[in-house]
Amino acid sequence: MLPSSSSPRLSRRGLLAAGGGAALTALLAACGGGDDPAKPAGNGPAGPWSFTDDRQRKVEAASAPTRVVAFTGVAAALVDFGLDSALVGVFGETTRTDGSREPQAGDLDVDKVTVLGNVWGEFNVEKYAALRPELLVTHMYDPDALWYVPDESRDKILQLAPSVAISTARTPMTRPIERYAELARSLGADLSAAKVTAAKTRFEAAAEQVRAAVKANPGIRVMASSGSPDLFYVSNPKVSTDLMYFAELGVDIVVPTKLEAGDYFEALSWENANKFPADLILLDNRSTALQPKDLAAKPTWAQLPAVRANQVTPWDAVPRFSYAGAAPLLENLAAAIRSAKRLG
């Protein structure tokens, strides 16, 4: 996992520390409009509802929440598990400047939800309150750090609805997938539905494809990275949940040696971008990161052996934690490993 802020030296914990507070009544008074916010957005299971998140906090309600607001990637994962009618709002990169969806938006119908913020640090609290949310859901990369919930408005936001946080670091990718499946089921999703079971079958087959690719083409060194104007980041497979799972499948992933606070990555100056030998580069495909066309002007990037050999493949640095979201990542990784050549 790699930084998404324009301040490249900030640690993840520094980015996500708790923020200030304000009175709930003032927020509600400031709100207006909305899509008939008193009306439930979906139909959850009858009877009392509870869910214990990865902060070990138990959230309880008289019935399953039917108005859910989530980080965009979380919302897309819940859709993959069959929960869509309950989603009323999202936050985080959702659409690009050309109107197309961000990869993490998956099959989420972005026209049917309110986008509370489309960039890091943006979260419209008044719009959120107007949605009358019953539950907020997001990732948790560090203890009690809520992904894309801004520090300065965190307390205001958390006063408006209960929250659920799922750990998405220091554990293999399969774990958050399972946890989001559990949450979706508790909210009324049918995990036995054909699309869900088919996605799981595809995911399991894709994992075997990665194992087979590593066995058929051994010794391919893979580096997960991201580029910013000033720095080249190399991600740590001992912390990043997807890379940790790739390593479990046998992939030889570069481990950075001089880690920033939080241990997520090593930040290299562009002059030192060649520090770690790699045969295949996984390149962060988020709109917040530089893409190959942008990196072409960086001499040290162009000189990297994997770049010269055209052995660079897109990487969803914030994966969609569902079987449907993760299966293509594994398939693409397997294909890239199969076709890669050792570069020395």
Foldseek 3Di string as FASTA:
>chain_A
DADLDPPRQDDPCNFQPAADADDQVVLLVPADDDDPLVDFQDDFDAAKFWDQAPLRDIDIDRTFQQAEEEAQLLQQQLVLLPDASSYAEHEEAAADPVGHGWLSNHPHPVVRHHYQYNGAPGGPLSVVLNNQGAEYEAEDLDNPGGPSCGNHYNRNNCVRYPYHYHYQKQAALLVSQVSSSVVSVSRHGDCVDPSNVVLLVLLVVLLVLLLVLCVVQPDAEEWEWFADPFWIKTFALSIGRHSVNSVVSPHHYDHDDDARPVRGIDIHGLVCPQVDQGQAYAYEPGPSTDDPVRCVVRVSVCPRQNNVVVRYHYDPSPFNSHSNGCSVVSNVNSVSSNPTDDDD
